Amino acid sequence: MPEFTYVARELSGKQTTGLVTAQSQQEALSQLSSRQLFPLKIEMAEASKQQLKDVSRRVRPRHLSVFYSQLADLLKSGVPLLKSLELLERQSNSPALTAVLSEIRAEVADGTRLNEAMRRHPRAFNDLVVSMVRAGEEGGFLEDVLKRVAAFTDHQEELKGRVIGAMVYPMFLMGFGGIVVAVLMVYFVPKFEPIFGRMAETGDLPWATTALMAMSHFAQSYWFIAIVAIGGAGYFAKQWIESKEGREKVDRLRIRIIGVGRIVRSLAIARFCRVLGTLLHNGVPLLQSLRIAKDATGNIVISEAVSEAADHITSGKSLARPLMAGGQFPKEIVEMIAVGEEANNLENVLIDIAESLERRTNREVEMVVRLLEPMLLLVMAAVVLFVVIAILLPILNTSQIVS
């Protein structure tokens, strides 16, 4: 059973922390209430998150998209949630999705909310999906949210397909070029070593050839160690990125990368604005909407900026001013939010901001995708050119000396 860490206050006002075992977050809150504790913060323990992640099944996005769309249609037609999950479980063509739906249906039948049941399968449902489903349940518009999640998933898959399609040709060339370079390093370059050795003794060997010879020696002697080192580094990097500290640093780096950072930031803000606007439109209070919408950003840095803004709103300030103080929202976005607050039309302004950002970001993504192919080809050409120049330079110098 999952464990939850909590920060709570006792009746005396003293703050206390601890660990509670419960089937869901709602059950954990009930346990704290029975102990006469007033929770300030409660979240699943890291060990439980990792355990859930290990047992969770990965489901293909195209199967998830169909599931979201069909569940939305069933709920809109008046079919109860449990019955809808049961129908979709029987109709699913994906064994992984069938297993996940079976577990979710059992948890919902035990009284767990849908978003909490989904949260226990992080390899199938990411944080964005869970937060949007939570928003739909809180605001009473779950069907609309599921339709939007289905459209977003389709869009993500379409974008992923375009990126992969654009990279197939250059990646094939880079792979073939890498094999050629490896063969040159291991079998071809060593045949020139006697010539290069004599030139090195006289100090006439170019720096490029010296570097190439060093790489050739390393490739011949330590290729197995290099492969193991790269694999190990990849594994530990993956583990670090999945930790809270690693994810925060990666998210901070993503929004600072020249070119790509603007796209990442715009997408995160667009998600936040759309979810917040939808919640406000459906009558959810601003403070509660902010706490839900911040999880929809998909970026810890921006989520923390929203959380800080929510803390300031509790003291009576407007939304625009604390968002500006956070430094993560562009000035023009904050100004539009301020205008929406003054006109008492914030929910519609937020939806307009989201749509405008999504249109602009889609154009920028298209441009980046188109640039990928020539950039990868240039990288491959530069590597091959370096190898060729490093081999030919000593030969050309020798020819000039002889003539």
Protein backbone atom coordinates (compact mmCIF):
# COMPACT_ATOMS: atom_id res chain seq x y z
CA MET A 1 0.00 0.00 0.00
CA PRO A 2 1.37 3.47 -0.85
CA GLU A 3 2.86 5.73 1.81
CA PHE A 4 2.30 9.49 2.02
CA THR A 5 4.45 12.11 3.71
CA TYR A 6 2.62 14.98 5.36
CA VAL A 7 3.08 18.32 7.05
CA ALA A 8 0.24 19.14 9.45
CA ARG A 9 -0.69 21.20 12.49
CA GLU A 10 -1.93 19.86 15.80
CA LEU A 11 -4.79 21.44 17.76
CA SER A 12 -2.22 23.35 19.78
CA GLY A 13 -0.85 24.93 16.60
CA LYS A 14 2.40 22.96 16.62
CA GLN A 15 3.59 21.87 13.18
CA THR A 16 4.38 18.17 12.75
CA THR A 17 5.57 15.91 9.94
CA GLY A 18 5.28 12.19 9.41
CA LEU A 19 4.37 9.23 7.25
CA VAL A 20 0.96 7.64 6.77
CA THR A 21 0.00 4.47 4.88
CA ALA A 22 -3.19 4.73 2.83
CA GLN A 23 -4.81 3.49 -0.36
CA SER A 24 -5.24 7.03 -1.71
CA GLN A 25 -4.53 10.65 -0.86
CA GLN A 26 -8.15 11.10 0.21
CA GLU A 27 -7.84 8.18 2.63
CA ALA A 28 -4.61 9.67 3.99
CA LEU A 29 -6.43 12.96 4.62
CA SER A 30 -9.18 11.09 6.46
CA GLN A 31 -6.61 9.36 8.68
CA LEU A 32 -5.01 12.69 9.55
CA SER A 33 -8.42 14.18 10.39
CA SER A 34 -9.17 11.25 12.69
CA ARG A 35 -5.92 12.06 14.53
CA GLN A 36 -7.07 15.71 14.88
CA LEU A 37 -4.32 16.88 12.55
CA PHE A 38 -4.89 19.68 10.02
CA PRO A 39 -2.86 18.85 6.87
CA LEU A 40 -0.83 21.62 5.22
CA LYS A 41 0.88 19.44 2.65
CA ILE A 42 0.55 15.78 1.69
CA GLU A 43 2.18 13.86 -1.14
CA MET A 44 3.17 10.31 -2.00
CA ALA A 45 6.53 9.22 -0.60
CA GLU A 46 9.39 8.84 -3.07
CA ALA A 47 9.74 5.10 -2.32
CA SER A 48 6.06 4.54 -3.13
CA LYS A 49 6.36 6.57 -6.32
CA GLN A 50 9.31 4.46 -7.41
CA GLN A 51 7.49 1.26 -6.53
CA LEU A 52 4.45 2.30 -8.54
CA LYS A 53 6.67 3.27 -11.43
CA ASP A 54 8.38 -0.12 -11.40
CA VAL A 55 5.12 -2.09 -11.56
CA SER A 56 3.34 0.30 -13.92
CA ARG A 57 2.86 -0.71 -17.53
CA ARG A 58 3.79 1.46 -20.48
CA VAL A 59 0.91 2.04 -22.91
CA ARG A 60 1.33 3.39 -26.42
CA PRO A 61 0.06 6.96 -26.85
CA ARG A 62 -2.19 6.05 -29.80
CA HIS A 63 -4.05 3.56 -27.59
CA LEU A 64 -4.34 6.15 -24.83
CA SER A 65 -5.71 8.73 -27.25
CA VAL A 66 -8.50 6.37 -28.31
CA PHE A 67 -9.20 5.57 -24.65
CA TYR A 68 -9.54 9.26 -23.70
CA SER A 69 -11.85 9.97 -26.62
CA GLN A 70 -14.06 6.92 -26.05
CA LEU A 71 -14.29 7.53 -22.30
CA ALA A 72 -15.35 11.13 -22.97
CA ASP A 73 -18.08 9.96 -25.38
CA LEU A 74 -19.40 7.38 -22.92
CA LEU A 75 -19.51 9.83 -20.03
CA LYS A 76 -21.17 12.46 -22.21
CA SER A 77 -23.83 9.89 -23.14
CA GLY A 78 -24.65 9.38 -19.46
CA VAL A 79 -22.85 6.06 -18.92
CA PRO A 80 -21.47 5.86 -15.33
CA LEU A 81 -17.70 5.98 -14.91
CA LEU A 82 -17.34 2.41 -13.61
CA LYS A 83 -19.46 1.00 -16.43
CA SER A 84 -17.49 3.06 -18.98
CA LEU A 85 -14.17 1.72 -17.69
CA GLU A 86 -15.52 -1.82 -17.79
CA LEU A 87 -16.69 -1.43 -21.40
CA LEU A 88 -13.38 0.07 -22.52
CA GLU A 89 -11.46 -2.66 -20.69
CA ARG A 90 -13.33 -5.36 -22.64
CA GLN A 91 -12.99 -3.55 -25.98
CA SER A 92 -9.30 -2.64 -25.71
CA ASN A 93 -6.92 -4.24 -28.22
CA SER A 94 -3.87 -3.40 -26.11
CA PRO A 95 -2.97 -5.94 -23.40
CA ALA A 96 -1.07 -3.28 -21.45
CA LEU A 97 -4.01 -0.85 -21.52
CA THR A 98 -6.43 -3.66 -20.58
CA ALA A 99 -4.33 -4.49 -17.50
CA VAL A 100 -4.09 -0.82 -16.50
CA LEU A 101 -7.84 -0.26 -16.94
CA SER A 102 -8.57 -3.35 -14.87
CA GLU A 103 -6.54 -1.96 -11.98
CA ILE A 104 -8.00 1.54 -12.36
CA ARG A 105 -11.56 0.18 -12.42
CA ALA A 106 -10.92 -1.81 -9.23
CA GLU A 107 -9.49 1.25 -7.49
CA VAL A 108 -12.38 3.49 -8.59
CA ALA A 109 -14.82 0.84 -7.35
CA ASP A 110 -13.12 1.08 -3.93
CA GLY A 111 -13.82 4.81 -3.82
CA THR A 112 -10.61 6.19 -5.30
CA ARG A 113 -11.01 9.17 -7.61
CA LEU A 114 -10.09 8.67 -11.25
CA ASN A 115 -7.11 11.05 -11.18
CA GLU A 116 -5.68 9.30 -8.10
CA ALA A 117 -6.07 5.91 -9.76
CA MET A 118 -4.32 7.23 -12.88
CA ARG A 119 -1.51 8.72 -10.80
CA ARG A 120 -0.56 5.20 -9.69
CA HIS A 121 0.36 4.34 -13.28
CA PRO A 122 2.96 7.00 -14.18
CA ARG A 123 4.28 5.07 -17.18
CA ALA A 124 0.82 5.20 -18.75
CA PHE A 125 -0.49 8.59 -17.56
CA ASN A 126 1.92 11.51 -17.18
CA ASP A 127 1.57 14.42 -14.74
CA LEU A 128 -0.15 16.64 -17.32
CA VAL A 129 -2.90 14.09 -17.98
CA VAL A 130 -3.43 13.42 -14.27
CA SER A 131 -3.65 17.13 -13.42
CA MET A 132 -6.10 17.82 -16.24
CA VAL A 133 -8.31 14.88 -15.21
CA ARG A 134 -8.17 16.19 -11.66
CA ALA A 135 -9.24 19.61 -12.96
CA GLY A 136 -12.13 18.02 -14.83
CA GLU A 137 -13.27 16.15 -11.73
CA GLU A 138 -12.98 19.23 -9.52
CA GLY A 139 -14.85 21.45 -11.98
CA GLY A 140 -17.41 18.93 -13.21
CA PHE A 141 -16.30 18.97 -16.85
CA LEU A 142 -14.41 15.68 -17.09
CA GLU A 143 -15.79 14.89 -20.57
CA ASP A 144 -14.41 18.12 -22.05
CA VAL A 145 -11.04 17.58 -20.39
CA LEU A 146 -10.76 14.04 -21.75
CA LYS A 147 -11.54 15.27 -25.27
CA ARG A 148 -8.86 17.93 -24.91
CA VAL A 149 -6.34 15.38 -23.58
CA ALA A 150 -7.10 13.12 -26.54
CA ALA A 151 -6.51 16.00 -28.98
CA PHE A 152 -3.30 16.97 -27.16
CA THR A 153 -2.03 13.38 -27.25
CA ASP A 154 -2.77 13.14 -30.99
CA HIS A 155 -0.96 16.43 -31.55
CA GLN A 156 2.07 15.24 -29.57
CA GLU A 157 2.21 12.01 -31.57
CA GLU A 158 1.87 13.90 -34.83
CA LEU A 159 4.70 16.21 -33.83
CA LYS A 160 6.82 13.24 -32.72
CA GLY A 161 6.15 11.54 -36.06
CA ARG A 162 7.23 14.65 -37.98
CA VAL A 163 10.43 14.90 -35.94
CA ILE A 164 11.23 11.21 -36.45
CA GLY A 165 10.40 11.47 -40.16
CA ALA A 166 12.70 14.46 -40.54
CA MET A 167 15.51 12.66 -38.71
CA VAL A 168 15.33 9.26 -40.46
CA TYR A 169 17.48 10.23 -43.44
CA PRO A 170 20.16 12.23 -41.58
CA MET A 171 20.30 9.66 -38.78
CA PHE A 172 20.79 6.89 -41.32
CA LEU A 173 23.61 8.87 -42.90
CA MET A 174 25.11 9.61 -39.47
CA GLY A 175 24.93 5.94 -38.52
CA PHE A 176 26.56 4.86 -41.76
CA GLY A 177 29.11 7.66 -41.44
CA GLY A 178 29.85 6.58 -37.86
CA ILE A 179 30.56 3.04 -39.04
CA VAL A 180 32.87 4.38 -41.76
CA VAL A 181 34.70 6.60 -39.27
CA ALA A 182 35.07 3.68 -36.83
CA VAL A 183 36.54 1.48 -39.58
CA LEU A 184 38.95 4.26 -40.54
CA MET A 185 40.02 4.68 -36.92
CA VAL A 186 40.59 0.99 -36.22
CA TYR A 187 41.92 -0.36 -39.53
CA PHE A 188 42.89 2.45 -41.89
CA VAL A 189 44.54 5.14 -39.74
CA PRO A 190 47.04 2.69 -38.09
CA LYS A 191 48.53 1.90 -41.54
CA PHE A 192 49.73 5.51 -41.72
CA GLU A 193 51.29 5.36 -38.27
CA PRO A 194 54.88 4.76 -39.51
CA ILE A 195 54.67 7.87 -41.69
CA PHE A 196 52.99 9.92 -38.97
CA GLY A 197 55.50 8.66 -36.39
CA ARG A 198 58.48 9.96 -38.36
CA MET A 199 56.81 13.34 -38.83
CA ALA A 200 55.96 13.48 -35.12
CA GLU A 201 59.66 13.01 -34.25
CA THR A 202 60.58 16.02 -36.39
CA GLY A 203 57.69 18.09 -35.01
CA ASP A 204 55.99 18.41 -38.42
CA LEU A 205 52.81 16.50 -37.53
CA PRO A 206 49.68 18.75 -37.63
CA TRP A 207 47.60 18.98 -34.47
CA ALA A 208 44.57 17.47 -36.23
CA THR A 209 46.55 14.35 -37.12
CA THR A 210 47.93 14.11 -33.58
CA ALA A 211 44.37 14.19 -32.20
CA LEU A 212 43.22 11.62 -34.77
CA MET A 213 46.06 9.25 -33.86
CA ALA A 214 45.21 9.55 -30.14
CA MET A 215 41.55 8.75 -30.87
CA SER A 216 42.62 5.82 -33.05
CA HIS A 217 44.78 4.36 -30.27
CA PHE A 218 41.94 4.78 -27.78
CA ALA A 219 39.43 3.13 -30.15
CA GLN A 220 41.73 0.14 -30.66
CA SER A 221 42.61 -0.37 -26.99
CA TYR A 222 39.58 0.74 -24.98
CA TRP A 223 36.53 0.40 -27.27
CA PHE A 224 34.82 -2.08 -24.92
CA ILE A 225 35.43 0.12 -21.87
CA ALA A 226 34.08 3.12 -23.80
CA ILE A 227 30.85 1.27 -24.65
CA VAL A 228 30.36 0.17 -21.03
CA ALA A 229 31.13 3.70 -19.79
CA ILE A 230 28.62 5.26 -22.18
CA GLY A 231 25.96 2.72 -21.19
CA GLY A 232 26.61 3.26 -17.49
CA ALA A 233 26.59 7.03 -17.85
CA GLY A 234 23.27 6.82 -19.72
CA TYR A 235 21.72 4.64 -17.00
CA PHE A 236 22.84 6.87 -14.11
CA ALA A 237 21.84 10.00 -16.04
CA LYS A 238 18.35 8.54 -16.50
CA GLN A 239 18.08 7.75 -12.78
CA TRP A 240 19.24 11.26 -11.87
CA ILE A 241 16.85 12.94 -14.29
CA GLU A 242 13.94 10.99 -12.78
CA SER A 243 14.81 12.23 -9.28
CA LYS A 244 13.23 15.44 -7.98
CA GLU A 245 16.53 17.36 -7.94
CA GLY A 246 17.52 16.14 -11.39
CA ARG A 247 14.15 16.93 -12.94
CA GLU A 248 14.21 20.44 -11.50
CA LYS A 249 17.66 21.14 -12.93
CA VAL A 250 16.73 19.64 -16.31
CA ASP A 251 13.51 21.71 -16.43
CA ARG A 252 15.50 24.82 -15.58
CA LEU A 253 18.00 24.01 -18.34
CA ARG A 254 15.22 23.32 -20.88
CA ILE A 255 13.76 26.81 -20.55
CA ARG A 256 17.22 28.40 -20.87
CA ILE A 257 18.37 26.67 -24.06
CA ILE A 258 18.61 29.20 -26.88
CA GLY A 259 15.79 28.66 -29.36
CA VAL A 260 14.29 25.58 -27.70
CA GLY A 261 13.79 27.27 -24.31
CA ARG A 262 11.24 29.71 -25.68
CA ILE A 263 9.19 26.85 -27.14
CA VAL A 264 9.28 24.87 -23.88
CA ARG A 265 8.27 27.93 -21.85
CA SER A 266 5.45 28.87 -24.23
CA LEU A 267 4.00 25.34 -24.21
CA ALA A 268 4.10 25.20 -20.40
CA ILE A 269 2.41 28.61 -20.03
CA ALA A 270 -0.19 27.70 -22.68
CA ARG A 271 -1.13 24.54 -20.76
CA PHE A 272 -1.37 26.49 -17.52
CA CYS A 273 -3.53 29.24 -19.03
CA ARG A 274 -5.88 26.79 -20.75
CA VAL A 275 -6.44 24.65 -17.64
CA LEU A 276 -6.79 27.71 -15.36
CA GLY A 277 -9.18 29.43 -17.75
CA THR A 278 -11.30 26.29 -18.10
CA LEU A 279 -11.48 25.84 -14.31
CA LEU A 280 -12.48 29.48 -13.74
CA HIS A 281 -15.06 29.26 -16.52
CA ASN A 282 -16.64 26.30 -14.72
CA GLY A 283 -16.86 28.14 -11.41
CA VAL A 284 -13.85 26.72 -9.55
CA PRO A 285 -12.39 29.36 -7.12
CA LEU A 286 -9.18 31.06 -8.24
CA LEU A 287 -6.92 29.75 -5.48
CA GLN A 288 -8.08 26.16 -5.92
CA SER A 289 -7.78 26.52 -9.71
CA LEU A 290 -4.20 27.73 -9.40
CA ARG A 291 -3.19 24.76 -7.26
CA ILE A 292 -4.63 22.40 -9.86
CA ALA A 293 -3.43 24.25 -12.98
CA LYS A 294 0.18 24.56 -11.80
CA ASP A 295 0.64 20.79 -12.23
CA ALA A 296 -0.45 21.09 -15.89
CA THR A 297 2.63 23.12 -16.89
CA GLY A 298 4.86 20.04 -17.14
CA ASN A 299 7.78 22.15 -15.85
CA ILE A 300 8.79 22.29 -12.19
CA VAL A 301 10.30 25.78 -12.44
CA ILE A 302 7.15 27.38 -13.85
CA SER A 303 4.99 25.31 -11.51
CA GLU A 304 6.90 26.70 -8.52
CA ALA A 305 6.45 30.25 -9.84
CA VAL A 306 2.69 29.67 -10.02
CA SER A 307 2.69 28.17 -6.52
CA GLU A 308 4.45 31.26 -5.14
CA ALA A 309 1.92 33.47 -6.92
CA ALA A 310 -0.92 31.49 -5.31
CA ASP A 311 0.60 32.11 -1.87
CA HIS A 312 0.55 35.86 -2.52
CA ILE A 313 -3.02 35.79 -3.75
CA THR A 314 -4.14 34.49 -0.34
CA SER A 315 -3.09 37.86 1.08
CA GLY A 316 -5.44 39.73 -1.26
CA LYS A 317 -3.18 40.59 -4.19
CA SER A 318 -4.08 40.16 -7.85
CA LEU A 319 -2.73 37.31 -10.00
CA ALA A 320 -0.76 39.44 -12.47
CA ARG A 321 1.58 41.10 -9.97
CA PRO A 322 2.94 37.94 -8.27
CA LEU A 323 3.29 36.23 -11.67
CA MET A 324 5.43 39.14 -12.85
CA ALA A 325 7.50 38.94 -9.65
CA GLY A 326 8.18 35.25 -10.32
CA GLY A 327 10.10 36.14 -13.49
CA GLN A 328 8.92 33.11 -15.48
CA PHE A 329 5.99 34.69 -17.34
CA PRO A 330 6.67 37.11 -20.25
CA LYS A 331 5.65 40.71 -19.70
CA GLU A 332 3.03 40.73 -22.47
CA ILE A 333 1.31 37.65 -20.99
CA VAL A 334 1.18 39.22 -17.52
CA GLU A 335 -0.22 42.46 -18.98
CA MET A 336 -3.01 40.52 -20.73
CA ILE A 337 -3.82 38.75 -17.45
CA ALA A 338 -3.94 42.12 -15.66
CA VAL A 339 -6.36 43.47 -18.27
CA GLY A 340 -8.53 40.36 -17.87
CA GLU A 341 -8.65 40.85 -14.10
CA GLU A 342 -9.60 44.51 -14.42
CA ALA A 343 -12.35 43.67 -16.93
CA ASN A 344 -13.58 40.73 -14.79
CA ASN A 345 -13.04 38.51 -17.84
CA LEU A 346 -9.98 36.55 -16.75
CA GLU A 347 -11.19 33.08 -17.82
CA ASN A 348 -11.78 34.14 -21.45
CA VAL A 349 -8.50 36.07 -21.60
CA LEU A 350 -6.60 33.01 -20.35
CA ILE A 351 -8.15 30.80 -23.06
CA ASP A 352 -7.23 33.42 -25.71
CA ILE A 353 -3.65 33.52 -24.38
CA ALA A 354 -3.42 29.72 -24.57
CA GLU A 355 -4.69 29.58 -28.15
CA SER A 356 -2.37 32.40 -29.26
CA LEU A 357 0.66 30.76 -27.63
CA GLU A 358 -0.18 27.37 -29.13
CA ARG A 359 -0.47 28.80 -32.66
CA ARG A 360 2.82 30.67 -32.33
CA THR A 361 4.59 27.70 -30.75
CA ASN A 362 3.38 25.34 -33.48
CA ARG A 363 4.99 27.59 -36.10
CA GLU A 364 8.25 27.67 -34.14
CA VAL A 365 8.22 23.88 -33.74
CA GLU A 366 7.73 23.48 -37.49
CA MET A 367 10.79 25.64 -38.08
CA VAL A 368 12.91 23.65 -35.62
CA VAL A 369 11.83 20.36 -37.23
CA ARG A 370 12.83 21.65 -40.66
CA LEU A 371 16.24 22.74 -39.34
CA LEU A 372 17.00 19.35 -37.78
CA GLU A 373 17.88 17.59 -41.03
CA PRO A 374 20.43 20.11 -42.37
CA MET A 375 21.96 20.54 -38.89
CA LEU A 376 22.53 16.80 -38.47
CA LEU A 377 23.95 16.57 -41.98
CA LEU A 378 26.35 19.42 -41.21
CA VAL A 379 27.53 17.65 -38.04
CA MET A 380 28.18 14.44 -39.96
CA ALA A 381 29.96 16.31 -42.75
CA ALA A 382 32.16 18.13 -40.21
CA VAL A 383 33.24 14.82 -38.57
CA VAL A 384 34.07 13.18 -41.90
CA LEU A 385 35.87 16.31 -43.09
CA PHE A 386 38.01 16.37 -39.93
CA VAL A 387 39.08 12.74 -40.44
CA VAL A 388 39.92 13.30 -44.12
CA ILE A 389 41.88 16.49 -43.42
CA ALA A 390 43.76 14.88 -40.53
CA ILE A 391 44.87 12.02 -42.83
CA LEU A 392 45.66 14.10 -45.92
CA LEU A 393 47.50 17.02 -44.30
CA PRO A 394 50.69 15.07 -43.42
CA ILE A 395 50.68 13.43 -46.87
CA LEU A 396 50.37 16.81 -48.60
CA ASN A 397 53.10 18.29 -46.41
CA THR A 398 55.37 15.34 -47.23
CA SER A 399 54.73 15.82 -50.96
CA GLN A 400 55.68 19.51 -50.73
CA ILE A 401 58.91 18.72 -48.84
CA VAL A 402 59.90 16.07 -51.40
CA SER A 403 59.19 18.40 -54.35
